[in-house]
Amino acid sequence: MPPPLPHGVVDTTRVVIGGSAIWFLLFCGLLVSILAFDSGSWLLLWTCAAGWGLGLVGLAVMHWQRSAARRGSRGAQTGL
């Protein structure tokens, strides 16, 4: 059995938080652009909102899996 990967390699929380923050900043920028300057795309605005929302859902699922692994649930992923 190979040795476990270092924590810095498998810690995806920082990546998901960073990605969600970028989607949120893009959403805010597009919202200002659309409302204040009447330029921009509503489709891009909702795409950014969906990216931000999916990032938050991903964080919730990661938290749920980690807590299940700590409790020792049989169906939980290990090595988180």
PDB file of N, CA and C in Angstrom:
ATOM      1  N   MET A   1       0.851  -1.178   0.000  1.00  0.00           N
ATOM      2  CA  MET A   1       0.000   0.000   0.000  1.00  0.00           C
ATOM      3  C   MET A   1       0.898   1.244   0.000  1.00  0.00           C
ATOM      4  N   PRO A   2       0.630   2.196  -0.898  1.00  0.00           N
ATOM      5  CA  PRO A   2       1.476   3.397  -0.961  1.00  0.00           C
ATOM      6  C   PRO A   2       1.257   4.277   0.271  1.00  0.00           C
ATOM      7  N   PRO A   3       2.241   5.103   0.593  1.00  0.00           N
ATOM      8  CA  PRO A   3       2.066   6.002   1.747  1.00  0.00           C
ATOM      9  C   PRO A   3       1.036   7.082   1.434  1.00  0.00           C
ATOM     10  N   PRO A   4       0.380   7.606   2.459  1.00  0.00           N
ATOM     11  CA  PRO A   4      -0.616   8.657   2.211  1.00  0.00           C
ATOM     12  C   PRO A   4       0.047   9.933   1.713  1.00  0.00           C
ATOM     13  N   LEU A   5      -0.702  10.665   0.918  1.00  0.00           N
ATOM     14  CA  LEU A   5      -0.201  11.936   0.385  1.00  0.00           C
ATOM     15  C   LEU A   5      -0.103  12.975   1.500  1.00  0.00           C
ATOM     16  N   PRO A   6       0.805  13.945   1.355  1.00  0.00           N
ATOM     17  CA  PRO A   6       0.897  15.014   2.359  1.00  0.00           C
ATOM     18  C   PRO A   6      -0.402  15.826   2.431  1.00  0.00           C
ATOM     19  N   HIS A   7      -0.663  16.377   3.598  1.00  0.00           N
ATOM     20  CA  HIS A   7      -1.909  17.123   3.820  1.00  0.00           C
ATOM     21  C   HIS A   7      -2.040  18.326   2.879  1.00  0.00           C
ATOM     22  N   GLY A   8      -0.939  18.977   2.560  1.00  0.00           N
ATOM     23  CA  GLY A   8      -0.989  20.134   1.674  1.00  0.00           C
ATOM     24  C   GLY A   8      -1.451  19.791   0.263  1.00  0.00           C
ATOM     25  N   VAL A   9      -1.243  18.562  -0.153  1.00  0.00           N
ATOM     26  CA  VAL A   9      -1.636  18.134  -1.506  1.00  0.00           C
ATOM     27  C   VAL A   9      -3.110  17.777  -1.555  1.00  0.00           C
ATOM     28  N   VAL A  10      -3.623  17.167  -0.501  1.00  0.00           N
ATOM     29  CA  VAL A  10      -5.006  16.698  -0.527  1.00  0.00           C
ATOM     30  C   VAL A  10      -5.983  17.679   0.100  1.00  0.00           C
ATOM     31  N   ASP A  11      -5.508  18.774   0.665  1.00  0.00           N
ATOM     32  CA  ASP A  11      -6.397  19.760   1.270  1.00  0.00           C
ATOM     33  C   ASP A  11      -7.021  20.623   0.180  1.00  0.00           C
ATOM     34  N   THR A  12      -8.240  20.310  -0.168  1.00  0.00           N
ATOM     35  CA  THR A  12      -8.916  21.022  -1.252  1.00  0.00           C
ATOM     36  C   THR A  12      -9.743  22.206  -0.758  1.00  0.00           C
ATOM     37  N   THR A  13      -9.825  22.386   0.544  1.00  0.00           N
ATOM     38  CA  THR A  13     -10.658  23.462   1.092  1.00  0.00           C
ATOM     39  C   THR A  13     -10.184  24.826   0.613  1.00  0.00           C
ATOM     40  N   ARG A  14      -8.869  25.042   0.622  1.00  0.00           N
ATOM     41  CA  ARG A  14      -8.348  26.338   0.175  1.00  0.00           C
ATOM     42  C   ARG A  14      -8.670  26.595  -1.289  1.00  0.00           C
ATOM     43  N   VAL A  15      -8.594  25.576  -2.099  1.00  0.00           N
ATOM     44  CA  VAL A  15      -8.876  25.726  -3.527  1.00  0.00           C
ATOM     45  C   VAL A  15     -10.353  26.068  -3.745  1.00  0.00           C
ATOM     46  N   VAL A  16     -11.230  25.376  -3.044  1.00  0.00           N
ATOM     47  CA  VAL A  16     -12.665  25.618  -3.209  1.00  0.00           C
ATOM     48  C   VAL A  16     -13.040  27.002  -2.685  1.00  0.00           C
ATOM     49  N   ILE A  17     -12.470  27.400  -1.552  1.00  0.00           N
ATOM     50  CA  ILE A  17     -12.749  28.736  -1.022  1.00  0.00           C
ATOM     51  C   ILE A  17     -12.225  29.806  -1.981  1.00  0.00           C
ATOM     52  N   GLY A  18     -11.034  29.609  -2.511  1.00  0.00           N
ATOM     53  CA  GLY A  18     -10.479  30.564  -3.470  1.00  0.00           C
ATOM     54  C   GLY A  18     -11.314  30.673  -4.734  1.00  0.00           C
ATOM     55  N   GLY A  19     -11.742  29.541  -5.258  1.00  0.00           N
ATOM     56  CA  GLY A  19     -12.584  29.552  -6.451  1.00  0.00           C
ATOM     57  C   GLY A  19     -13.926  30.214  -6.197  1.00  0.00           C
ATOM     58  N   SER A  20     -14.524  29.924  -5.058  1.00  0.00           N
ATOM     59  CA  SER A  20     -15.806  30.549  -4.715  1.00  0.00           C
ATOM     60  C   SER A  20     -15.647  32.053  -4.541  1.00  0.00           C
ATOM     61  N   ALA A  21     -14.543  32.471  -3.952  1.00  0.00           N
ATOM     62  CA  ALA A  21     -14.300  33.908  -3.777  1.00  0.00           C
ATOM     63  C   ALA A  21     -14.154  34.604  -5.129  1.00  0.00           C
ATOM     64  N   ILE A  22     -13.476  33.956  -6.064  1.00  0.00           N
ATOM     65  CA  ILE A  22     -13.321  34.539  -7.402  1.00  0.00           C
ATOM     66  C   ILE A  22     -14.679  34.666  -8.092  1.00  0.00           C
ATOM     67  N   TRP A  23     -15.505  33.605  -8.009  1.00  0.00           N
ATOM     68  CA  TRP A  23     -16.843  33.673  -8.609  1.00  0.00           C
ATOM     69  C   TRP A  23     -17.667  34.790  -7.976  1.00  0.00           C
ATOM     70  N   PHE A  24     -17.550  34.962  -6.636  1.00  0.00           N
ATOM     71  CA  PHE A  24     -18.301  36.017  -5.956  1.00  0.00           C
ATOM     72  C   PHE A  24     -17.833  37.402  -6.390  1.00  0.00           C
ATOM     73  N   LEU A  25     -16.526  37.583  -6.501  1.00  0.00           N
ATOM     74  CA  LEU A  25     -16.006  38.878  -6.937  1.00  0.00           C
ATOM     75  C   LEU A  25     -16.433  39.199  -8.369  1.00  0.00           C
ATOM     76  N   LEU A  26     -16.418  38.198  -9.235  1.00  0.00           N
ATOM     77  CA  LEU A  26     -16.898  38.406 -10.601  1.00  0.00           C
ATOM     78  C   LEU A  26     -18.377  38.754 -10.613  1.00  0.00           C
ATOM     79  N   PHE A  27     -19.150  38.079  -9.764  1.00  0.00           N
ATOM     80  CA  PHE A  27     -20.579  38.385  -9.657  1.00  0.00           C
ATOM     81  C   PHE A  27     -20.796  39.834  -9.242  1.00  0.00           C
ATOM     82  N   CYS A  28     -20.076  40.269  -8.216  1.00  0.00           N
ATOM     83  CA  CYS A  28     -20.220  41.656  -7.740  1.00  0.00           C
ATOM     84  C   CYS A  28     -19.815  42.659  -8.821  1.00  0.00           C
ATOM     85  N   GLY A  29     -18.715  42.382  -9.504  1.00  0.00           N
ATOM     86  CA  GLY A  29     -18.267  43.271 -10.574  1.00  0.00           C
ATOM     87  C   GLY A  29     -19.272  43.362 -11.706  1.00  0.00           C
ATOM     88  N   LEU A  30     -19.818  42.234 -12.103  1.00  0.00           N
ATOM     89  CA  LEU A  30     -20.820  42.247 -13.173  1.00  0.00           C
ATOM     90  C   LEU A  30     -22.108  42.919 -12.727  1.00  0.00           C
ATOM     91  N   LEU A  31     -22.484  42.728 -11.469  1.00  0.00           N
ATOM     92  CA  LEU A  31     -23.695  43.366 -10.967  1.00  0.00           C
ATOM     93  C   LEU A  31     -23.553  44.884 -10.986  1.00  0.00           C
ATOM     94  N   VAL A  32     -22.416  45.380 -10.563  1.00  0.00           N
ATOM     95  CA  VAL A  32     -22.168  46.821 -10.619  1.00  0.00           C
ATOM     96  C   VAL A  32     -22.162  47.297 -12.072  1.00  0.00           C
ATOM     97  N   SER A  33     -21.523  46.519 -12.936  1.00  0.00           N
ATOM     98  CA  SER A  33     -21.449  46.894 -14.349  1.00  0.00           C
ATOM     99  C   SER A  33     -22.837  46.967 -14.986  1.00  0.00           C
ATOM    100  N   ILE A  34     -23.677  46.021 -14.648  1.00  0.00           N
ATOM    101  CA  ILE A  34     -25.014  45.994 -15.247  1.00  0.00           C
ATOM    102  C   ILE A  34     -25.896  47.101 -14.675  1.00  0.00           C
ATOM    103  N   LEU A  35     -25.882  47.239 -13.351  1.00  0.00           N
ATOM    104  CA  LEU A  35     -26.799  48.201 -12.728  1.00  0.00           C
ATOM    105  C   LEU A  35     -26.340  49.646 -12.875  1.00  0.00           C
ATOM    106  N   ALA A  36     -25.042  49.889 -12.762  1.00  0.00           N
ATOM    107  CA  ALA A  36     -24.562  51.273 -12.779  1.00  0.00           C
ATOM    108  C   ALA A  36     -24.262  51.776 -14.189  1.00  0.00           C
ATOM    109  N   PHE A  37     -23.703  50.928 -15.019  1.00  0.00           N
ATOM    110  CA  PHE A  37     -23.242  51.381 -16.328  1.00  0.00           C
ATOM    111  C   PHE A  37     -24.064  50.820 -17.487  1.00  0.00           C
ATOM    112  N   ASP A  38     -25.044  50.003 -17.190  1.00  0.00           N
ATOM    113  CA  ASP A  38     -25.906  49.399 -18.206  1.00  0.00           C
ATOM    114  C   ASP A  38     -25.095  48.669 -19.274  1.00  0.00           C
ATOM    115  N   SER A  39     -24.047  48.006 -18.835  1.00  0.00           N
ATOM    116  CA  SER A  39     -23.270  47.164 -19.749  1.00  0.00           C
ATOM    117  C   SER A  39     -22.966  45.862 -19.024  1.00  0.00           C
ATOM    118  N   GLY A  40     -22.741  44.840 -19.781  1.00  0.00           N
ATOM    119  CA  GLY A  40     -22.508  43.529 -19.190  1.00  0.00           C
ATOM    120  C   GLY A  40     -23.602  42.577 -19.620  1.00  0.00           C
ATOM    121  N   SER A  41     -23.473  41.359 -19.187  1.00  0.00           N
ATOM    122  CA  SER A  41     -24.394  40.320 -19.629  1.00  0.00           C
ATOM    123  C   SER A  41     -25.085  39.681 -18.423  1.00  0.00           C
ATOM    124  N   TRP A  42     -26.412  39.570 -18.514  1.00  0.00           N
ATOM    125  CA  TRP A  42     -27.148  38.897 -17.448  1.00  0.00           C
ATOM    126  C   TRP A  42     -26.795  37.415 -17.412  1.00  0.00           C
ATOM    127  N   LEU A  43     -26.493  36.831 -18.559  1.00  0.00           N
ATOM    128  CA  LEU A  43     -26.108  35.424 -18.596  1.00  0.00           C
ATOM    129  C   LEU A  43     -24.818  35.190 -17.828  1.00  0.00           C
ATOM    130  N   LEU A  44     -23.844  36.078 -17.997  1.00  0.00           N
ATOM    131  CA  LEU A  44     -22.602  35.955 -17.248  1.00  0.00           C
ATOM    132  C   LEU A  44     -22.831  36.168 -15.752  1.00  0.00           C
ATOM    133  N   LEU A  45     -23.734  37.080 -15.424  1.00  0.00           N
ATOM    134  CA  LEU A  45     -24.046  37.328 -14.022  1.00  0.00           C
ATOM    135  C   LEU A  45     -24.589  36.063 -13.356  1.00  0.00           C
ATOM    136  N   TRP A  46     -25.525  35.401 -14.016  1.00  0.00           N
ATOM    137  CA  TRP A  46     -26.107  34.188 -13.437  1.00  0.00           C
ATOM    138  C   TRP A  46     -25.133  33.017 -13.485  1.00  0.00           C
ATOM    139  N   THR A  47     -24.234  33.011 -14.437  1.00  0.00           N
ATOM    140  CA  THR A  47     -23.188  31.996 -14.463  1.00  0.00           C
ATOM    141  C   THR A  47     -22.270  32.152 -13.252  1.00  0.00           C
ATOM    142  N   CYS A  48     -21.915  33.393 -12.937  1.00  0.00           N
ATOM    143  CA  CYS A  48     -21.086  33.647 -11.754  1.00  0.00           C
ATOM    144  C   CYS A  48     -21.826  33.281 -10.474  1.00  0.00           C
ATOM    145  N   ALA A  49     -23.120  33.579 -10.418  1.00  0.00           N
ATOM    146  CA  ALA A  49     -23.910  33.221  -9.240  1.00  0.00           C
ATOM    147  C   ALA A  49     -23.967  31.705  -9.075  1.00  0.00           C
ATOM    148  N   ALA A  50     -24.118  30.983 -10.185  1.00  0.00           N
ATOM    149  CA  ALA A  50     -24.151  29.525 -10.109  1.00  0.00           C
ATOM    150  C   ALA A  50     -22.796  28.964  -9.684  1.00  0.00           C
ATOM    151  N   GLY A  51     -21.704  29.524 -10.183  1.00  0.00           N
ATOM    152  CA  GLY A  51     -20.372  29.077  -9.775  1.00  0.00           C
ATOM    153  C   GLY A  51     -20.131  29.301  -8.298  1.00  0.00           C
ATOM    154  N   TRP A  52     -20.549  30.443  -7.797  1.00  0.00           N
ATOM    155  CA  TRP A  52     -20.406  30.749  -6.372  1.00  0.00           C
ATOM    156  C   TRP A  52     -21.261  29.796  -5.533  1.00  0.00           C
ATOM    157  N   GLY A  53     -22.508  29.588  -5.966  1.00  0.00           N
ATOM    158  CA  GLY A  53     -23.407  28.692  -5.233  1.00  0.00           C
ATOM    159  C   GLY A  53     -22.910  27.256  -5.216  1.00  0.00           C
ATOM    160  N   LEU A  54     -22.401  26.788  -6.345  1.00  0.00           N
ATOM    161  CA  LEU A  54     -21.879  25.421  -6.390  1.00  0.00           C
ATOM    162  C   LEU A  54     -20.631  25.270  -5.533  1.00  0.00           C
ATOM    163  N   GLY A  55     -19.832  26.321  -5.445  1.00  0.00           N
ATOM    164  CA  GLY A  55     -18.680  26.278  -4.553  1.00  0.00           C
ATOM    165  C   GLY A  55     -19.101  26.146  -3.103  1.00  0.00           C
ATOM    166  N   LEU A  56     -20.158  26.868  -2.724  1.00  0.00           N
ATOM    167  CA  LEU A  56     -20.668  26.768  -1.359  1.00  0.00           C
ATOM    168  C   LEU A  56     -21.253  25.387  -1.080  1.00  0.00           C
ATOM    169  N   VAL A  57     -21.939  24.819  -2.056  1.00  0.00           N
ATOM    170  CA  VAL A  57     -22.459  23.459  -1.908  1.00  0.00           C
ATOM    171  C   VAL A  57     -21.300  22.475  -1.757  1.00  0.00           C
ATOM    172  N   GLY A  58     -20.241  22.667  -2.542  1.00  0.00           N
ATOM    173  CA  GLY A  58     -19.070  21.801  -2.435  1.00  0.00           C
ATOM    174  C   GLY A  58     -18.427  21.879  -1.062  1.00  0.00           C
ATOM    175  N   LEU A  59     -18.334  23.080  -0.503  1.00  0.00           N
ATOM    176  CA  LEU A  59     -17.804  23.231   0.853  1.00  0.00           C
ATOM    177  C   LEU A  59     -18.676  22.500   1.872  1.00  0.00           C
ATOM    178  N   ALA A  60     -19.984  22.586   1.706  1.00  0.00           N
ATOM    179  CA  ALA A  60     -20.886  21.894   2.629  1.00  0.00           C
ATOM    180  C   ALA A  60     -20.707  20.381   2.542  1.00  0.00           C
ATOM    181  N   VAL A  61     -20.583  19.851   1.338  1.00  0.00           N
ATOM    182  CA  VAL A  61     -20.388  18.409   1.163  1.00  0.00           C
ATOM    183  C   VAL A  61     -19.051  17.973   1.752  1.00  0.00           C
ATOM    184  N   MET A  62     -18.000  18.773   1.548  1.00  0.00           N
ATOM    185  CA  MET A  62     -16.690  18.435   2.114  1.00  0.00           C
ATOM    186  C   MET A  62     -16.753  18.419   3.637  1.00  0.00           C
ATOM    187  N   HIS A  63     -17.442  19.397   4.231  1.00  0.00           N
ATOM    188  CA  HIS A  63     -17.593  19.431   5.685  1.00  0.00           C
ATOM    189  C   HIS A  63     -18.376  18.213   6.177  1.00  0.00           C
ATOM    190  N   TRP A  64     -19.420  17.860   5.470  1.00  0.00           N
ATOM    191  CA  TRP A  64     -20.261  16.724   5.820  1.00  0.00           C
ATOM    192  C   TRP A  64     -19.447  15.422   5.783  1.00  0.00           C
ATOM    193  N   GLN A  65     -18.638  15.250   4.741  1.00  0.00           N
ATOM    194  CA  GLN A  65     -17.824  14.043   4.627  1.00  0.00           C
ATOM    195  C   GLN A  65     -16.755  13.978   5.721  1.00  0.00           C
ATOM    196  N   ARG A  66     -16.151  15.110   6.017  1.00  0.00           N
ATOM    197  CA  ARG A  66     -15.130  15.121   7.079  1.00  0.00           C
ATOM    198  C   ARG A  66     -15.731  14.785   8.427  1.00  0.00           C
ATOM    199  N   SER A  67     -16.895  15.352   8.719  1.00  0.00           N
ATOM    200  CA  SER A  67     -17.515  15.056  10.009  1.00  0.00           C
ATOM    201  C   SER A  67     -17.955  13.593  10.079  1.00  0.00           C
ATOM    202  N   ALA A  68     -18.412  13.030   8.978  1.00  0.00           N
ATOM    203  CA  ALA A  68     -18.785  11.612   8.962  1.00  0.00           C
ATOM    204  C   ALA A  68     -17.560  10.729   9.153  1.00  0.00           C
ATOM    205  N   ALA A  69     -16.437  11.122   8.550  1.00  0.00           N
ATOM    206  CA  ALA A  69     -15.209  10.337   8.714  1.00  0.00           C
ATOM    207  C   ALA A  69     -14.712  10.409  10.158  1.00  0.00           C
ATOM    208  N   ARG A  70     -14.846  11.564  10.788  1.00  0.00           N
ATOM    209  CA  ARG A  70     -14.431  11.693  12.197  1.00  0.00           C
ATOM    210  C   ARG A  70     -15.319  10.877  13.127  1.00  0.00           C
ATOM    211  N   ARG A  71     -16.626  10.788  12.793  1.00  0.00           N
ATOM    212  CA  ARG A  71     -17.544   9.990  13.601  1.00  0.00           C
ATOM    213  C   ARG A  71     -17.303   8.498  13.409  1.00  0.00           C
ATOM    214  N   GLY A  72     -16.656   8.138  12.299  1.00  0.00           N
ATOM    215  CA  GLY A  72     -16.416   6.730  12.006  1.00  0.00           C
ATOM    216  C   GLY A  72     -17.544   6.064  11.250  1.00  0.00           C
ATOM    217  N   SER A  73     -18.333   6.832  10.532  1.00  0.00           N
ATOM    218  CA  SER A  73     -19.435   6.250   9.740  1.00  0.00           C
ATOM    219  C   SER A  73     -18.875   5.305   8.694  1.00  0.00           C
ATOM    220  N   ARG A  74     -19.597   4.220   8.456  1.00  0.00           N
ATOM    221  CA  ARG A  74     -19.099   3.212   7.521  1.00  0.00           C
ATOM    222  C   ARG A  74     -19.008   3.720   6.096  1.00  0.00           C
ATOM    223  N   GLY A  75     -19.943   4.547   5.664  1.00  0.00           N
ATOM    224  CA  GLY A  75     -19.976   5.004   4.282  1.00  0.00           C
ATOM    225  C   GLY A  75     -19.134   6.238   4.012  1.00  0.00           C
ATOM    226  N   ALA A  76     -18.463   6.754   5.028  1.00  0.00           N
ATOM    227  CA  ALA A  76     -17.706   7.998   4.852  1.00  0.00           C
ATOM    228  C   ALA A  76     -16.394   7.736   4.132  1.00  0.00           C
ATOM    229  N   GLN A  77     -15.934   8.735   3.405  1.00  0.00           N
ATOM    230  CA  GLN A  77     -14.631   8.649   2.748  1.00  0.00           C
ATOM    231  C   GLN A  77     -13.553   8.736   3.810  1.00  0.00           C
ATOM    232  N   THR A  78     -12.455   8.045   3.573  1.00  0.00           N
ATOM    233  CA  THR A  78     -11.339   8.086   4.520  1.00  0.00           C
ATOM    234  C   THR A  78     -10.194   8.883   3.927  1.00  0.00           C
ATOM    235  N   GLY A  79      -9.320   9.334   4.783  1.00  0.00           N
ATOM    236  CA  GLY A  79      -8.154  10.079   4.324  1.00  0.00           C
ATOM    237  C   GLY A  79      -8.411  11.537   4.073  1.00  0.00           C
ATOM    238  N   LEU A  80      -9.473  12.084   4.625  1.00  0.00           N
ATOM    239  CA  LEU A  80      -9.805  13.489   4.406  1.00  0.00           C
ATOM    240  C   LEU A  80      -9.125  14.310   5.442  1.00  0.00           C
TER     241      LEU A  80
END
